[in-house]
C-alpha atoms as a PDB file:
ATOM      1  CA  MET A   1     -28.385 -10.220 -90.348  1.00  0.00           C
ATOM      2  CA  SER A   2     -25.355 -11.839 -91.872  1.00  0.00           C
ATOM      3  CA  SER A   3     -24.298 -15.334 -90.902  1.00  0.00           C
ATOM      4  CA  GLU A   4     -20.658 -14.194 -90.636  1.00  0.00           C
ATOM      5  CA  LYS A   5     -21.570 -11.709 -87.946  1.00  0.00           C
ATOM      6  CA  SER A   6     -23.078 -14.342 -85.651  1.00  0.00           C
ATOM      7  CA  LYS A   7     -20.311 -16.948 -85.926  1.00  0.00           C
ATOM      8  CA  ILE A   8     -17.871 -17.549 -83.095  1.00  0.00           C
ATOM      9  CA  ASP A   9     -14.273 -18.300 -84.035  1.00  0.00           C
ATOM     10  CA  GLU A  10     -12.204 -21.051 -82.414  1.00  0.00           C
ATOM     11  CA  THR A  11     -10.139 -18.638 -80.293  1.00  0.00           C
ATOM     12  CA  THR A  12     -13.270 -17.146 -78.738  1.00  0.00           C
ATOM     13  CA  LEU A  13     -14.735 -20.607 -78.195  1.00  0.00           C
ATOM     14  CA  GLU A  14     -11.563 -21.749 -76.425  1.00  0.00           C
ATOM     15  CA  ALA A  15     -11.687 -18.648 -74.223  1.00  0.00           C
ATOM     16  CA  LEU A  16     -15.300 -19.439 -73.332  1.00  0.00           C
ATOM     17  CA  LEU A  17     -14.318 -22.988 -72.469  1.00  0.00           C
ATOM     18  CA  TYR A  18     -11.556 -21.724 -70.203  1.00  0.00           C
ATOM     19  CA  LEU A  19     -13.842 -19.204 -68.480  1.00  0.00           C
ATOM     20  CA  SER A  20     -16.571 -21.794 -67.948  1.00  0.00           C
ATOM     21  CA  ARG A  21     -14.016 -24.336 -66.693  1.00  0.00           C
ATOM     22  CA  LEU A  22     -15.060 -26.843 -69.358  1.00  0.00           C
ATOM     23  CA  SER A  23     -12.506 -29.012 -71.080  1.00  0.00           C
ATOM     24  CA  PRO A  24     -12.599 -29.717 -74.812  1.00  0.00           C
ATOM     25  CA  GLU A  25     -12.302 -33.441 -74.034  1.00  0.00           C
ATOM     26  CA  SER A  26     -15.471 -33.513 -71.916  1.00  0.00           C
ATOM     27  CA  THR A  27     -17.520 -31.232 -74.158  1.00  0.00           C
ATOM     28  CA  ASN A  28     -19.095 -31.852 -77.544  1.00  0.00           C
ATOM     29  CA  MET A  29     -17.522 -28.908 -79.350  1.00  0.00           C
ATOM     30  CA  GLN A  30     -19.987 -28.933 -82.258  1.00  0.00           C
ATOM     31  CA  VAL A  31     -22.984 -28.735 -79.930  1.00  0.00           C
ATOM     32  CA  LEU A  32     -21.339 -26.060 -77.802  1.00  0.00           C
ATOM     33  CA  LYS A  33     -20.365 -23.992 -80.846  1.00  0.00           C
ATOM     34  CA  SER A  34     -23.905 -24.271 -82.187  1.00  0.00           C
ATOM     35  CA  GLN A  35     -25.359 -23.140 -78.854  1.00  0.00           C
ATOM     36  CA  VAL A  36     -22.985 -20.190 -78.582  1.00  0.00           C
ATOM     37  CA  ASP A  37     -23.784 -19.188 -82.170  1.00  0.00           C
ATOM     38  CA  GLN A  38     -27.497 -19.244 -81.301  1.00  0.00           C
ATOM     39  CA  ILE A  39     -26.905 -17.009 -78.283  1.00  0.00           C
ATOM     40  CA  VAL A  40     -24.887 -14.520 -80.330  1.00  0.00           C
ATOM     41  CA  GLU A  41     -27.537 -14.600 -83.051  1.00  0.00           C
ATOM     42  CA  TYR A  42     -30.183 -13.791 -80.432  1.00  0.00           C
ATOM     43  CA  PHE A  43     -28.198 -10.750 -79.306  1.00  0.00           C
ATOM     44  CA  ASP A  44     -27.929  -9.662 -82.941  1.00  0.00           C
ATOM     45  CA  VAL A  45     -31.741  -9.754 -83.126  1.00  0.00           C
ATOM     46  CA  LEU A  46     -32.030  -7.773 -79.903  1.00  0.00           C
ATOM     47  CA  SER A  47     -29.562  -5.163 -81.117  1.00  0.00           C
ATOM     48  CA  GLU A  48     -31.865  -4.421 -84.064  1.00  0.00           C
ATOM     49  CA  TYR A  49     -34.336  -2.996 -81.562  1.00  0.00           C
ATOM     50  CA  ASP A  50     -31.778  -0.893 -79.730  1.00  0.00           C
ATOM     51  CA  ASP A  51     -33.056   2.674 -79.556  1.00  0.00           C
ATOM     52  CA  ASN A  52     -29.694   4.074 -78.401  1.00  0.00           C
ATOM     53  CA  GLU A  53     -31.269   5.815 -75.439  1.00  0.00           C
ATOM     54  CA  ASN A  54     -29.585   5.884 -72.103  1.00  0.00           C
ATOM     55  CA  PRO A  55     -31.811   3.772 -69.806  1.00  0.00           C
ATOM     56  CA  TYR A  56     -30.742   5.911 -66.861  1.00  0.00           C
ATOM     57  CA  ASP A  57     -32.341   8.987 -68.420  1.00  0.00           C
ATOM     58  CA  ALA A  58     -35.687   7.665 -67.198  1.00  0.00           C
ATOM     59  CA  TYR A  59     -34.538   8.294 -63.633  1.00  0.00           C
ATOM     60  CA  PRO A  60     -33.687  11.899 -62.865  1.00  0.00           C
ATOM     61  CA  ALA A  61     -30.451  12.470 -61.035  1.00  0.00           C
ATOM     62  CA  THR A  62     -30.621  13.617 -57.440  1.00  0.00           C
ATOM     63  CA  VAL A  63     -28.619  16.722 -56.778  1.00  0.00           C
ATOM     64  CA  ALA A  64     -27.116  16.685 -53.296  1.00  0.00           C
ATOM     65  CA  ASP A  65     -27.905  20.386 -52.798  1.00  0.00           C
ATOM     66  CA  LYS A  66     -31.629  19.629 -53.050  1.00  0.00           C
ATOM     67  CA  LEU A  67     -31.581  17.045 -50.281  1.00  0.00           C
ATOM     68  CA  ARG A  68     -32.619  17.980 -46.786  1.00  0.00           C
ATOM     69  CA  GLN A  69     -30.037  19.301 -44.395  1.00  0.00           C
ATOM     70  CA  ASP A  70     -28.804  16.948 -41.724  1.00  0.00           C
ATOM     71  CA  GLU A  71     -29.927  18.609 -38.551  1.00  0.00           C
ATOM     72  CA  ILE A  72     -29.857  17.094 -35.114  1.00  0.00           C
ATOM     73  CA  VAL A  73     -33.208  17.513 -33.413  1.00  0.00           C
ATOM     74  CA  ALA A  74     -34.288  16.523 -29.953  1.00  0.00           C
ATOM     75  CA  GLY A  75     -36.024  13.169 -29.701  1.00  0.00           C
ATOM     76  CA  LEU A  76     -38.609  12.018 -27.208  1.00  0.00           C
ATOM     77  CA  GLU A  77     -37.747  12.104 -23.547  1.00  0.00           C
ATOM     78  CA  ILE A  78     -38.123   8.840 -21.624  1.00  0.00           C
ATOM     79  CA  LYS A  79     -40.836  10.369 -19.436  1.00  0.00           C
ATOM     80  CA  ASP A  80     -42.828  11.210 -22.574  1.00  0.00           C
ATOM     81  CA  VAL A  81     -42.320   7.732 -23.987  1.00  0.00           C
ATOM     82  CA  LYS A  82     -43.615   6.187 -20.775  1.00  0.00           C
ATOM     83  CA  LYS A  83     -46.854   8.157 -21.232  1.00  0.00           C
ATOM     84  CA  ILE A  84     -47.543   6.453 -24.561  1.00  0.00           C
ATOM     85  CA  THR A  85     -48.178   3.001 -23.083  1.00  0.00           C
ATOM     86  CA  PRO A  86     -48.263   1.335 -19.714  1.00  0.00           C
ATOM     87  CA  GLU A  87     -46.291  -1.568 -21.272  1.00  0.00           C
ATOM     88  CA  PHE A  88     -42.938   0.186 -20.862  1.00  0.00           C
ATOM     89  CA  LEU A  89     -40.259  -1.476 -18.757  1.00  0.00           C
ATOM     90  CA  ASP A  90     -36.491  -0.988 -18.576  1.00  0.00           C
ATOM     91  CA  GLY A  91     -36.426   1.253 -21.646  1.00  0.00           C
ATOM     92  CA  TYR A  92     -38.404  -1.147 -23.862  1.00  0.00           C
ATOM     93  CA  PHE A  93     -41.993  -1.493 -25.031  1.00  0.00           C
ATOM     94  CA  ARG A  94     -43.780  -4.769 -24.497  1.00  0.00           C
ATOM     95  CA  VAL A  95     -45.495  -5.708 -27.726  1.00  0.00           C
ATOM     96  CA  PRO A  96     -47.905  -8.509 -28.635  1.00  0.00           C
ATOM     97  CA  LYS A  97     -46.291 -11.750 -29.737  1.00  0.00           C
ATOM     98  CA  VAL A  98     -46.234 -11.814 -33.538  1.00  0.00           C
ATOM     99  CA  LEU A  99     -44.662 -15.153 -34.383  1.00  0.00           C
ATOM    100  CA  GLY A 100     -46.055 -18.491 -33.273  1.00  0.00           C
ATOM    101  CA  GLY A 101     -44.338 -20.775 -30.819  1.00  0.00           C
ATOM    102  CA  GLY A 102     -43.242 -23.323 -33.442  1.00  0.00           C
ATOM    103  CA  ALA A 103     -44.347 -26.811 -34.337  1.00  0.00           C
END
């Protein structure tokens, strides 16, 4: 890894300052430049391990033709739903209380 490759020029550093809404007056430029150089250097290290594979190849594409057809089917009738439980009133099921009453 060459040291030239991982260095950030002043124009790029000024653009980063603008994007991050930092001002050169309130920022130690040497420290910031050093930190940015370290970040870029880290990405250079990571790029050495790039295997050039498409990460999306691990997930097969779904072809729309293979999906199920959207068909409207009859649901349960209210009279059948009422047979499931005696706790049915005004179109709703009464269920046990799940959450506590508070503090």
